[in-house]
């Protein structure tokens, strides 16, 4: 766990990719791989008292060598463990003039959890929930 001046910013997620990862290469040669990871959590209780299971989508950025490994190894439905830090980015919306913010995880470690035995099952899970991933701006 990394600490900077008495603070801790560590995120750990285990989930599934909602779509194929995308890579961007900058003129400097730096490379970033971006993908959304679905995780589940218990939400509000339904009328019958059961707790609903909800899906959260988190944008992940992996840079340079780590990003290269991700772009070459991950696919829609891949199960991964991500360790990184929560980051935010802000910009001014050119249409409205409003300040916009985006939160994402900058990956420091990506563990590929797929095995050949469960790869097809994981892909099916991601396909069933991938409509929600489209709502997250990239």
C-alpha atoms as a PDB file:
ATOM      1  CA  UNK A   1       0.000   0.000   0.000  1.00  0.00           C
ATOM      2  CA  UNK A   2       1.464   3.335  -1.050  1.00  0.00           C
ATOM      3  CA  UNK A   3       1.165   6.295   1.255  1.00  0.00           C
ATOM      4  CA  UNK A   4       1.837   9.891   0.309  1.00  0.00           C
ATOM      5  CA  UNK A   5       2.022  12.373   3.161  1.00  0.00           C
ATOM      6  CA  UNK A   6      -0.310  10.458   5.435  1.00  0.00           C
ATOM      7  CA  UNK A   7      -2.894   9.516   2.794  1.00  0.00           C
ATOM      8  CA  UNK A   8      -3.729   6.209   1.135  1.00  0.00           C
ATOM      9  CA  UNK A   9      -5.203   5.870  -2.361  1.00  0.00           C
ATOM     10  CA  UNK A  10      -5.466   2.186  -3.227  1.00  0.00           C
ATOM     11  CA  UNK A  11      -8.253   0.499  -5.183  1.00  0.00           C
ATOM     12  CA  UNK A  12      -8.636  -3.247  -5.686  1.00  0.00           C
ATOM     13  CA  UNK A  13     -11.316  -4.640  -7.994  1.00  0.00           C
ATOM     14  CA  UNK A  14     -12.142  -8.110  -9.282  1.00  0.00           C
ATOM     15  CA  UNK A  15     -14.597  -8.199 -12.144  1.00  0.00           C
ATOM     16  CA  UNK A  16     -15.255  -8.742 -15.840  1.00  0.00           C
ATOM     17  CA  UNK A  17     -14.525  -6.634 -18.915  1.00  0.00           C
ATOM     18  CA  UNK A  18     -17.691  -5.309 -20.542  1.00  0.00           C
ATOM     19  CA  UNK A  19     -16.134  -4.847 -23.980  1.00  0.00           C
ATOM     20  CA  UNK A  20     -12.839  -5.160 -25.834  1.00  0.00           C
ATOM     21  CA  UNK A  21     -10.081  -2.899 -24.496  1.00  0.00           C
ATOM     22  CA  UNK A  22      -9.109   0.161 -26.531  1.00  0.00           C
ATOM     23  CA  UNK A  23      -5.583   1.480 -26.986  1.00  0.00           C
ATOM     24  CA  UNK A  24      -4.401   4.993 -27.762  1.00  0.00           C
ATOM     25  CA  UNK A  25      -0.851   5.835 -28.798  1.00  0.00           C
ATOM     26  CA  UNK A  26       0.368   9.388 -28.235  1.00  0.00           C
ATOM     27  CA  UNK A  27       2.921  11.249 -30.403  1.00  0.00           C
ATOM     28  CA  UNK A  28       5.423  10.912 -27.533  1.00  0.00           C
ATOM     29  CA  UNK A  29       5.195   7.118 -27.845  1.00  0.00           C
ATOM     30  CA  UNK A  30       3.276   6.700 -24.575  1.00  0.00           C
ATOM     31  CA  UNK A  31       0.446   4.170 -24.796  1.00  0.00           C
ATOM     32  CA  UNK A  32      -2.736   3.812 -22.772  1.00  0.00           C
ATOM     33  CA  UNK A  33      -5.170   0.909 -22.731  1.00  0.00           C
ATOM     34  CA  UNK A  34      -8.683   1.693 -21.461  1.00  0.00           C
ATOM     35  CA  UNK A  35     -11.450  -0.703 -20.531  1.00  0.00           C
ATOM     36  CA  UNK A  36     -14.489  -0.905 -18.250  1.00  0.00           C
ATOM     37  CA  UNK A  37     -14.707  -3.520 -15.500  1.00  0.00           C
ATOM     38  CA  UNK A  38     -18.024  -4.682 -14.047  1.00  0.00           C
ATOM     39  CA  UNK A  39     -18.253  -5.450 -10.342  1.00  0.00           C
ATOM     40  CA  UNK A  40     -21.298  -6.413  -8.286  1.00  0.00           C
ATOM     41  CA  UNK A  41     -22.530  -5.156  -4.933  1.00  0.00           C
ATOM     42  CA  UNK A  42     -25.665  -5.380  -2.807  1.00  0.00           C
ATOM     43  CA  UNK A  43     -28.001  -2.446  -3.350  1.00  0.00           C
ATOM     44  CA  UNK A  44     -31.290  -1.453  -1.758  1.00  0.00           C
ATOM     45  CA  UNK A  45     -33.784  -3.954  -0.451  1.00  0.00           C
ATOM     46  CA  UNK A  46     -36.652  -4.838  -2.744  1.00  0.00           C
ATOM     47  CA  UNK A  47     -40.294  -4.867  -1.647  1.00  0.00           C
ATOM     48  CA  UNK A  48     -39.966  -8.503  -0.547  1.00  0.00           C
ATOM     49  CA  UNK A  49     -36.965  -7.664   1.664  1.00  0.00           C
ATOM     50  CA  UNK A  50     -34.354  -9.225  -0.608  1.00  0.00           C
ATOM     51  CA  UNK A  51     -31.252  -7.184  -1.327  1.00  0.00           C
ATOM     52  CA  UNK A  52     -30.871  -6.388  -4.999  1.00  0.00           C
ATOM     53  CA  UNK A  53     -27.563  -7.148  -6.693  1.00  0.00           C
ATOM     54  CA  UNK A  54     -26.359  -4.150  -8.681  1.00  0.00           C
ATOM     55  CA  UNK A  55     -23.552  -3.721 -11.202  1.00  0.00           C
ATOM     56  CA  UNK A  56     -21.004  -0.915 -11.143  1.00  0.00           C
ATOM     57  CA  UNK A  57     -18.804  -0.094 -14.135  1.00  0.00           C
ATOM     58  CA  UNK A  58     -15.337   1.309 -13.477  1.00  0.00           C
ATOM     59  CA  UNK A  59     -13.066   2.776 -16.139  1.00  0.00           C
ATOM     60  CA  UNK A  60      -9.521   1.389 -15.952  1.00  0.00           C
ATOM     61  CA  UNK A  61      -6.412   2.906 -17.542  1.00  0.00           C
ATOM     62  CA  UNK A  62      -3.232   0.857 -17.938  1.00  0.00           C
ATOM     63  CA  UNK A  63      -0.202   2.639 -19.364  1.00  0.00           C
ATOM     64  CA  UNK A  64       2.742   1.585 -21.516  1.00  0.00           C
ATOM     65  CA  UNK A  65       4.025  -1.996 -20.885  1.00  0.00           C
ATOM     66  CA  UNK A  66       1.103  -2.898 -18.619  1.00  0.00           C
ATOM     67  CA  UNK A  67      -1.302  -1.498 -21.204  1.00  0.00           C
ATOM     68  CA  UNK A  68       0.401  -3.517 -23.944  1.00  0.00           C
ATOM     69  CA  UNK A  69      -0.099  -6.699 -21.908  1.00  0.00           C
ATOM     70  CA  UNK A  70      -3.769  -5.822 -21.401  1.00  0.00           C
ATOM     71  CA  UNK A  71      -4.456  -5.055 -25.064  1.00  0.00           C
ATOM     72  CA  UNK A  72      -2.809  -8.356 -26.061  1.00  0.00           C
ATOM     73  CA  UNK A  73      -4.407 -10.569 -23.383  1.00  0.00           C
ATOM     74  CA  UNK A  74      -7.841  -9.190 -22.504  1.00  0.00           C
ATOM     75  CA  UNK A  75     -11.128  -9.519 -24.343  1.00  0.00           C
ATOM     76  CA  UNK A  76     -14.803  -8.918 -23.661  1.00  0.00           C
ATOM     77  CA  UNK A  77     -15.724 -11.111 -20.708  1.00  0.00           C
ATOM     78  CA  UNK A  78     -12.182 -11.479 -19.326  1.00  0.00           C
ATOM     79  CA  UNK A  79     -12.069 -11.787 -15.549  1.00  0.00           C
ATOM     80  CA  UNK A  80      -9.409  -9.567 -13.969  1.00  0.00           C
ATOM     81  CA  UNK A  81      -8.029  -8.330 -10.665  1.00  0.00           C
ATOM     82  CA  UNK A  82      -6.994  -4.685 -10.769  1.00  0.00           C
ATOM     83  CA  UNK A  83      -4.879  -2.894  -8.171  1.00  0.00           C
ATOM     84  CA  UNK A  84      -4.310   0.799  -8.677  1.00  0.00           C
ATOM     85  CA  UNK A  85      -5.230   4.279  -7.542  1.00  0.00           C
ATOM     86  CA  UNK A  86      -8.366   6.363  -7.974  1.00  0.00           C
ATOM     87  CA  UNK A  87      -7.793   9.345 -10.247  1.00  0.00           C
ATOM     88  CA  UNK A  88      -9.987  12.160 -11.510  1.00  0.00           C
ATOM     89  CA  UNK A  89      -9.833  14.248 -14.636  1.00  0.00           C
ATOM     90  CA  UNK A  90     -11.679  17.497 -15.266  1.00  0.00           C
ATOM     91  CA  UNK A  91     -12.368  19.575 -18.363  1.00  0.00           C
ATOM     92  CA  UNK A  92     -14.671  22.315 -19.561  1.00  0.00           C
ATOM     93  CA  UNK A  93     -17.571  21.137 -21.705  1.00  0.00           C
ATOM     94  CA  UNK A  94     -17.316  23.153 -24.924  1.00  0.00           C
ATOM     95  CA  UNK A  95     -21.075  23.043 -25.528  1.00  0.00           C
ATOM     96  CA  UNK A  96     -22.308  24.029 -22.069  1.00  0.00           C
ATOM     97  CA  UNK A  97     -19.262  25.704 -20.537  1.00  0.00           C
ATOM     98  CA  UNK A  98     -19.726  23.534 -17.425  1.00  0.00           C
ATOM     99  CA  UNK A  99     -16.858  21.820 -15.624  1.00  0.00           C
ATOM    100  CA  UNK A 100     -17.031  18.037 -16.133  1.00  0.00           C
ATOM    101  CA  UNK A 101     -15.330  15.345 -14.066  1.00  0.00           C
ATOM    102  CA  UNK A 102     -14.460  11.728 -14.688  1.00  0.00           C
ATOM    103  CA  UNK A 103     -13.174   9.213 -12.149  1.00  0.00           C
ATOM    104  CA  UNK A 104     -11.104   6.210 -13.178  1.00  0.00           C
ATOM    105  CA  UNK A 105      -8.598   3.732 -11.777  1.00  0.00           C
ATOM    106  CA  UNK A 106      -4.989   3.973 -12.934  1.00  0.00           C
ATOM    107  CA  UNK A 107      -3.873   0.344 -12.857  1.00  0.00           C
ATOM    108  CA  UNK A 108      -0.563  -0.570 -11.279  1.00  0.00           C
ATOM    109  CA  UNK A 109      -1.207  -4.322 -11.395  1.00  0.00           C
ATOM    110  CA  UNK A 110      -3.518  -6.379 -13.601  1.00  0.00           C
ATOM    111  CA  UNK A 111      -3.925 -10.074 -12.891  1.00  0.00           C
ATOM    112  CA  UNK A 112      -5.596 -12.125 -15.620  1.00  0.00           C
ATOM    113  CA  UNK A 113      -7.950 -14.539 -13.828  1.00  0.00           C
ATOM    114  CA  UNK A 114      -9.354 -16.405 -16.818  1.00  0.00           C
ATOM    115  CA  UNK A 115      -8.817 -20.103 -17.196  1.00  0.00           C
ATOM    116  CA  UNK A 116      -9.743 -21.944 -20.355  1.00  0.00           C
ATOM    117  CA  UNK A 117     -12.459 -23.782 -18.414  1.00  0.00           C
ATOM    118  CA  UNK A 118     -14.379 -20.649 -17.420  1.00  0.00           C
ATOM    119  CA  UNK A 119     -13.544 -18.189 -20.234  1.00  0.00           C
ATOM    120  CA  UNK A 120     -16.788 -18.857 -22.154  1.00  0.00           C
ATOM    121  CA  UNK A 121     -18.921 -18.588 -19.007  1.00  0.00           C
ATOM    122  CA  UNK A 122     -17.346 -15.224 -18.100  1.00  0.00           C
ATOM    123  CA  UNK A 123     -17.880 -13.908 -21.619  1.00  0.00           C
ATOM    124  CA  UNK A 124     -21.582 -14.784 -21.396  1.00  0.00           C
ATOM    125  CA  UNK A 125     -21.878 -12.903 -18.074  1.00  0.00           C
ATOM    126  CA  UNK A 126     -20.324  -9.815 -19.654  1.00  0.00           C
ATOM    127  CA  UNK A 127     -22.559 -10.037 -22.707  1.00  0.00           C
ATOM    128  CA  UNK A 128     -25.656 -10.041 -20.496  1.00  0.00           C
ATOM    129  CA  UNK A 129     -24.605  -6.826 -18.716  1.00  0.00           C
ATOM    130  CA  UNK A 130     -22.700  -5.013 -21.471  1.00  0.00           C
ATOM    131  CA  UNK A 131     -25.571  -2.596 -22.234  1.00  0.00           C
ATOM    132  CA  UNK A 132     -24.807  -0.849 -18.949  1.00  0.00           C
ATOM    133  CA  UNK A 133     -21.161  -0.383 -19.966  1.00  0.00           C
ATOM    134  CA  UNK A 134     -22.187   1.740 -22.927  1.00  0.00           C
ATOM    135  CA  UNK A 135     -23.572   4.379 -20.569  1.00  0.00           C
ATOM    136  CA  UNK A 136     -20.122   5.069 -19.101  1.00  0.00           C
ATOM    137  CA  UNK A 137     -18.332   7.774 -21.119  1.00  0.00           C
ATOM    138  CA  UNK A 138     -14.935   6.807 -22.407  1.00  0.00           C
END
